[in-house]
């Protein structure tokens, strides 16, 4: 569940998981690079970088 809410009054957000973390899959490369620049945690940066590499490899 999202932080500070209970399941009964939680609104569904397609960009968030059940625990409140952001989903990286539907973002385009421009959005991911912007998110990479604003991110401060190394763990988040590695997830974003992995998602960027996945997007760039698939279409080729």
C-alpha atoms as a PDB file:
ATOM      1  CA  UNK A   1       0.000   0.000   0.000  1.00  0.00           C
ATOM      2  CA  UNK A   2       1.043   3.564  -0.477  1.00  0.00           C
ATOM      3  CA  UNK A   3       2.574   5.266   2.518  1.00  0.00           C
ATOM      4  CA  UNK A   4       0.124   6.809   4.974  1.00  0.00           C
ATOM      5  CA  UNK A   5      -2.999   5.327   3.415  1.00  0.00           C
ATOM      6  CA  UNK A   6      -5.063   2.240   3.926  1.00  0.00           C
ATOM      7  CA  UNK A   7      -6.361  -0.023   1.221  1.00  0.00           C
ATOM      8  CA  UNK A   8      -9.938   1.183   1.536  1.00  0.00           C
ATOM      9  CA  UNK A   9      -9.314   4.804   0.540  1.00  0.00           C
ATOM     10  CA  UNK A  10      -6.275   4.342  -1.731  1.00  0.00           C
ATOM     11  CA  UNK A  11      -6.755   5.618  -5.283  1.00  0.00           C
ATOM     12  CA  UNK A  12      -5.369   3.457  -8.056  1.00  0.00           C
ATOM     13  CA  UNK A  13      -2.467   5.121  -9.845  1.00  0.00           C
ATOM     14  CA  UNK A  14      -1.142   3.241 -12.886  1.00  0.00           C
ATOM     15  CA  UNK A  15       2.323   4.782 -12.417  1.00  0.00           C
ATOM     16  CA  UNK A  16       2.719   3.449  -8.853  1.00  0.00           C
ATOM     17  CA  UNK A  17       3.003  -0.086  -7.533  1.00  0.00           C
ATOM     18  CA  UNK A  18       1.014  -1.363  -4.563  1.00  0.00           C
ATOM     19  CA  UNK A  19       3.813  -0.283  -2.211  1.00  0.00           C
ATOM     20  CA  UNK A  20       4.030   3.238  -3.649  1.00  0.00           C
ATOM     21  CA  UNK A  21       7.147   2.799  -5.794  1.00  0.00           C
ATOM     22  CA  UNK A  22       7.173   4.250  -9.311  1.00  0.00           C
ATOM     23  CA  UNK A  23       6.817   2.077 -12.399  1.00  0.00           C
ATOM     24  CA  UNK A  24       9.566   2.655 -14.967  1.00  0.00           C
ATOM     25  CA  UNK A  25       8.240   0.500 -17.802  1.00  0.00           C
ATOM     26  CA  UNK A  26       5.821   2.884 -19.537  1.00  0.00           C
ATOM     27  CA  UNK A  27       8.199   5.877 -19.461  1.00  0.00           C
ATOM     28  CA  UNK A  28       9.971   6.984 -22.635  1.00  0.00           C
ATOM     29  CA  UNK A  29      13.763   7.593 -22.799  1.00  0.00           C
ATOM     30  CA  UNK A  30      13.406  11.370 -22.359  1.00  0.00           C
ATOM     31  CA  UNK A  31      11.361  10.919 -19.190  1.00  0.00           C
ATOM     32  CA  UNK A  32      13.818   8.338 -17.867  1.00  0.00           C
ATOM     33  CA  UNK A  33      16.836  10.598 -18.420  1.00  0.00           C
ATOM     34  CA  UNK A  34      15.035  13.452 -16.623  1.00  0.00           C
ATOM     35  CA  UNK A  35      14.262  11.099 -13.744  1.00  0.00           C
ATOM     36  CA  UNK A  36      17.891   9.940 -13.715  1.00  0.00           C
ATOM     37  CA  UNK A  37      19.118  13.529 -13.333  1.00  0.00           C
ATOM     38  CA  UNK A  38      16.733  14.270 -10.476  1.00  0.00           C
ATOM     39  CA  UNK A  39      17.369  11.005  -8.626  1.00  0.00           C
ATOM     40  CA  UNK A  40      19.801  10.982  -5.705  1.00  0.00           C
ATOM     41  CA  UNK A  41      19.772   7.378  -4.495  1.00  0.00           C
ATOM     42  CA  UNK A  42      22.253   4.997  -6.161  1.00  0.00           C
ATOM     43  CA  UNK A  43      19.725   2.138  -6.067  1.00  0.00           C
ATOM     44  CA  UNK A  44      17.137   4.216  -7.949  1.00  0.00           C
ATOM     45  CA  UNK A  45      19.741   5.376 -10.460  1.00  0.00           C
ATOM     46  CA  UNK A  46      20.724   1.793 -11.246  1.00  0.00           C
ATOM     47  CA  UNK A  47      17.065   0.826 -11.788  1.00  0.00           C
ATOM     48  CA  UNK A  48      16.542   3.785 -14.130  1.00  0.00           C
ATOM     49  CA  UNK A  49      19.747   3.006 -16.035  1.00  0.00           C
ATOM     50  CA  UNK A  50      18.671  -0.620 -16.433  1.00  0.00           C
ATOM     51  CA  UNK A  51      15.264   0.506 -17.763  1.00  0.00           C
ATOM     52  CA  UNK A  52      16.974   2.896 -20.218  1.00  0.00           C
ATOM     53  CA  UNK A  53      19.223   0.124 -21.528  1.00  0.00           C
ATOM     54  CA  UNK A  54      16.248  -2.202 -21.891  1.00  0.00           C
ATOM     55  CA  UNK A  55      14.321   0.361 -23.976  1.00  0.00           C
ATOM     56  CA  UNK A  56      17.240   1.108 -26.269  1.00  0.00           C
ATOM     57  CA  UNK A  57      18.081  -2.572 -26.921  1.00  0.00           C
ATOM     58  CA  UNK A  58      14.548  -3.837 -27.679  1.00  0.00           C
ATOM     59  CA  UNK A  59      13.713  -1.747 -30.820  1.00  0.00           C
ATOM     60  CA  UNK A  60      17.042  -2.467 -32.540  1.00  0.00           C
END
